[in-house]
């Protein structure tokens, strides 16, 4: 009987999944770390929504300025909650181009005439 109980205990340990990104705050932290490394400090995420069907976190990427707050959304990221792997990840250069265009359209920067 003890052998069966030990096998059930071992099986239980193997079948209980460990979730790499269990909370919205953890998802936000991981994505912001990536954004800071790949883009700029003005680009960040502030919220995450969990989709139980895909088991992914959806995080809208936003541009903000200290004196203006959030200017707008420039992309999004999808993060698998189980593995912690990025499922949908925008190209950093595209994010920077979108951020620049949004900042320009809001009068926050002026484009060089040489561009």
C-alpha atoms as a PDB file:
ATOM      1  CA  UNK A   1       0.000   0.000   0.000  1.00  0.00           C
ATOM      2  CA  UNK A   2       2.844   2.408   0.796  1.00  0.00           C
ATOM      3  CA  UNK A   3       4.359   1.803  -2.667  1.00  0.00           C
ATOM      4  CA  UNK A   4       1.086   2.821  -4.338  1.00  0.00           C
ATOM      5  CA  UNK A   5       0.807   5.925  -2.169  1.00  0.00           C
ATOM      6  CA  UNK A   6       4.419   6.862  -3.001  1.00  0.00           C
ATOM      7  CA  UNK A   7       3.747   6.449  -6.743  1.00  0.00           C
ATOM      8  CA  UNK A   8       0.637   8.638  -6.486  1.00  0.00           C
ATOM      9  CA  UNK A   9       2.636  11.294  -4.664  1.00  0.00           C
ATOM     10  CA  UNK A  10       5.335  11.217  -7.343  1.00  0.00           C
ATOM     11  CA  UNK A  11       2.724  11.345 -10.109  1.00  0.00           C
ATOM     12  CA  UNK A  12       0.997  14.266  -8.423  1.00  0.00           C
ATOM     13  CA  UNK A  13       4.243  16.187  -8.300  1.00  0.00           C
ATOM     14  CA  UNK A  14       4.801  15.588 -12.009  1.00  0.00           C
ATOM     15  CA  UNK A  15       1.315  16.568 -13.126  1.00  0.00           C
ATOM     16  CA  UNK A  16       0.991  19.786 -11.172  1.00  0.00           C
ATOM     17  CA  UNK A  17       2.111  22.493 -13.602  1.00  0.00           C
ATOM     18  CA  UNK A  18       4.438  25.224 -12.508  1.00  0.00           C
ATOM     19  CA  UNK A  19       3.363  28.539 -13.973  1.00  0.00           C
ATOM     20  CA  UNK A  20       6.234  30.758 -15.058  1.00  0.00           C
ATOM     21  CA  UNK A  21       4.180  33.980 -15.125  1.00  0.00           C
ATOM     22  CA  UNK A  22       1.347  33.569 -12.592  1.00  0.00           C
ATOM     23  CA  UNK A  23       0.375  37.230 -12.119  1.00  0.00           C
ATOM     24  CA  UNK A  24      -0.256  40.344 -14.171  1.00  0.00           C
ATOM     25  CA  UNK A  25       2.438  42.181 -12.195  1.00  0.00           C
ATOM     26  CA  UNK A  26       5.029  39.534 -13.091  1.00  0.00           C
ATOM     27  CA  UNK A  27       4.038  39.783 -16.788  1.00  0.00           C
ATOM     28  CA  UNK A  28       4.350  43.585 -16.654  1.00  0.00           C
ATOM     29  CA  UNK A  29       7.779  43.347 -15.022  1.00  0.00           C
ATOM     30  CA  UNK A  30       9.099  40.880 -17.623  1.00  0.00           C
ATOM     31  CA  UNK A  31       7.834  42.885 -20.585  1.00  0.00           C
ATOM     32  CA  UNK A  32       9.051  46.219 -19.190  1.00  0.00           C
ATOM     33  CA  UNK A  33      12.489  44.708 -18.635  1.00  0.00           C
ATOM     34  CA  UNK A  34      12.575  43.638 -22.294  1.00  0.00           C
ATOM     35  CA  UNK A  35      11.265  47.023 -23.499  1.00  0.00           C
ATOM     36  CA  UNK A  36      13.859  48.959 -21.502  1.00  0.00           C
ATOM     37  CA  UNK A  37      16.619  46.776 -22.906  1.00  0.00           C
ATOM     38  CA  UNK A  38      15.420  46.946 -26.517  1.00  0.00           C
ATOM     39  CA  UNK A  39      13.804  50.379 -26.896  1.00  0.00           C
ATOM     40  CA  UNK A  40      13.614  53.353 -24.545  1.00  0.00           C
ATOM     41  CA  UNK A  41      12.434  54.398 -21.120  1.00  0.00           C
ATOM     42  CA  UNK A  42       9.381  56.235 -22.502  1.00  0.00           C
ATOM     43  CA  UNK A  43       7.949  52.990 -23.900  1.00  0.00           C
ATOM     44  CA  UNK A  44       6.359  50.666 -21.355  1.00  0.00           C
ATOM     45  CA  UNK A  45       3.397  48.505 -20.342  1.00  0.00           C
ATOM     46  CA  UNK A  46       1.153  49.293 -17.392  1.00  0.00           C
ATOM     47  CA  UNK A  47      -1.431  46.536 -17.490  1.00  0.00           C
ATOM     48  CA  UNK A  48      -1.875  42.916 -18.474  1.00  0.00           C
ATOM     49  CA  UNK A  49      -4.972  40.913 -19.292  1.00  0.00           C
ATOM     50  CA  UNK A  50      -5.002  37.126 -18.999  1.00  0.00           C
ATOM     51  CA  UNK A  51      -6.735  35.081 -21.708  1.00  0.00           C
ATOM     52  CA  UNK A  52      -7.696  31.666 -20.255  1.00  0.00           C
ATOM     53  CA  UNK A  53      -8.296  30.193 -23.721  1.00  0.00           C
ATOM     54  CA  UNK A  54      -4.797  30.895 -25.065  1.00  0.00           C
ATOM     55  CA  UNK A  55      -3.184  30.899 -21.594  1.00  0.00           C
ATOM     56  CA  UNK A  56      -1.380  34.091 -22.544  1.00  0.00           C
ATOM     57  CA  UNK A  57      -1.028  37.533 -21.063  1.00  0.00           C
ATOM     58  CA  UNK A  58      -1.903  40.410 -23.409  1.00  0.00           C
ATOM     59  CA  UNK A  59       0.048  43.597 -22.691  1.00  0.00           C
ATOM     60  CA  UNK A  60      -0.516  46.821 -24.658  1.00  0.00           C
ATOM     61  CA  UNK A  61       2.710  48.788 -25.197  1.00  0.00           C
ATOM     62  CA  UNK A  62       2.345  52.515 -24.564  1.00  0.00           C
ATOM     63  CA  UNK A  63       4.311  55.696 -25.073  1.00  0.00           C
ATOM     64  CA  UNK A  64       4.391  58.121 -22.144  1.00  0.00           C
ATOM     65  CA  UNK A  65       6.055  61.418 -21.382  1.00  0.00           C
ATOM     66  CA  UNK A  66       6.708  62.521 -17.786  1.00  0.00           C
ATOM     67  CA  UNK A  67       4.870  65.830 -18.178  1.00  0.00           C
ATOM     68  CA  UNK A  68       1.998  64.450 -20.295  1.00  0.00           C
ATOM     69  CA  UNK A  69       1.395  60.916 -19.047  1.00  0.00           C
ATOM     70  CA  UNK A  70       0.342  58.215 -21.482  1.00  0.00           C
ATOM     71  CA  UNK A  71       0.254  59.485 -25.051  1.00  0.00           C
ATOM     72  CA  UNK A  72      -1.090  56.333 -26.681  1.00  0.00           C
ATOM     73  CA  UNK A  73      -0.685  52.687 -27.593  1.00  0.00           C
ATOM     74  CA  UNK A  74       2.028  51.751 -30.097  1.00  0.00           C
ATOM     75  CA  UNK A  75       1.925  47.955 -30.070  1.00  0.00           C
ATOM     76  CA  UNK A  76       1.251  44.876 -27.998  1.00  0.00           C
ATOM     77  CA  UNK A  77       2.990  41.845 -26.548  1.00  0.00           C
ATOM     78  CA  UNK A  78       1.700  38.347 -25.828  1.00  0.00           C
ATOM     79  CA  UNK A  79       3.405  36.315 -23.112  1.00  0.00           C
ATOM     80  CA  UNK A  80       2.713  32.623 -22.472  1.00  0.00           C
ATOM     81  CA  UNK A  81       1.818  32.283 -18.783  1.00  0.00           C
ATOM     82  CA  UNK A  82       2.942  28.661 -18.574  1.00  0.00           C
ATOM     83  CA  UNK A  83       6.375  28.986 -20.179  1.00  0.00           C
ATOM     84  CA  UNK A  84       7.162  32.671 -19.777  1.00  0.00           C
ATOM     85  CA  UNK A  85       8.061  32.811 -23.477  1.00  0.00           C
ATOM     86  CA  UNK A  86       7.042  35.681 -25.727  1.00  0.00           C
ATOM     87  CA  UNK A  87       4.393  34.476 -28.180  1.00  0.00           C
ATOM     88  CA  UNK A  88       3.741  37.749 -29.991  1.00  0.00           C
ATOM     89  CA  UNK A  89       6.554  40.241 -29.873  1.00  0.00           C
ATOM     90  CA  UNK A  90       6.854  43.412 -31.960  1.00  0.00           C
ATOM     91  CA  UNK A  91      10.127  44.360 -33.574  1.00  0.00           C
ATOM     92  CA  UNK A  92      11.840  46.988 -31.358  1.00  0.00           C
ATOM     93  CA  UNK A  93      12.595  49.197 -34.373  1.00  0.00           C
ATOM     94  CA  UNK A  94       8.909  49.206 -35.334  1.00  0.00           C
ATOM     95  CA  UNK A  95       7.985  50.228 -31.785  1.00  0.00           C
ATOM     96  CA  UNK A  96      10.476  53.081 -31.926  1.00  0.00           C
ATOM     97  CA  UNK A  97       9.130  54.261 -35.308  1.00  0.00           C
ATOM     98  CA  UNK A  98       5.549  54.154 -34.004  1.00  0.00           C
ATOM     99  CA  UNK A  99       6.566  55.986 -30.831  1.00  0.00           C
ATOM    100  CA  UNK A 100       8.307  58.689 -32.842  1.00  0.00           C
ATOM    101  CA  UNK A 101       5.323  59.103 -35.172  1.00  0.00           C
ATOM    102  CA  UNK A 102       2.927  59.319 -32.212  1.00  0.00           C
ATOM    103  CA  UNK A 103       5.134  61.841 -30.411  1.00  0.00           C
ATOM    104  CA  UNK A 104       5.389  63.931 -33.586  1.00  0.00           C
ATOM    105  CA  UNK A 105       1.625  63.850 -34.180  1.00  0.00           C
ATOM    106  CA  UNK A 106       1.141  65.104 -30.608  1.00  0.00           C
ATOM    107  CA  UNK A 107       3.606  67.961 -31.076  1.00  0.00           C
ATOM    108  CA  UNK A 108       6.156  66.489 -28.681  1.00  0.00           C
ATOM    109  CA  UNK A 109       9.007  66.279 -31.199  1.00  0.00           C
ATOM    110  CA  UNK A 110       9.787  67.717 -34.609  1.00  0.00           C
ATOM    111  CA  UNK A 111      11.099  65.590 -37.439  1.00  0.00           C
ATOM    112  CA  UNK A 112      14.373  66.693 -39.041  1.00  0.00           C
ATOM    113  CA  UNK A 113      14.018  68.093 -42.557  1.00  0.00           C
ATOM    114  CA  UNK A 114      16.854  65.753 -43.602  1.00  0.00           C
ATOM    115  CA  UNK A 115      14.720  62.647 -42.976  1.00  0.00           C
END
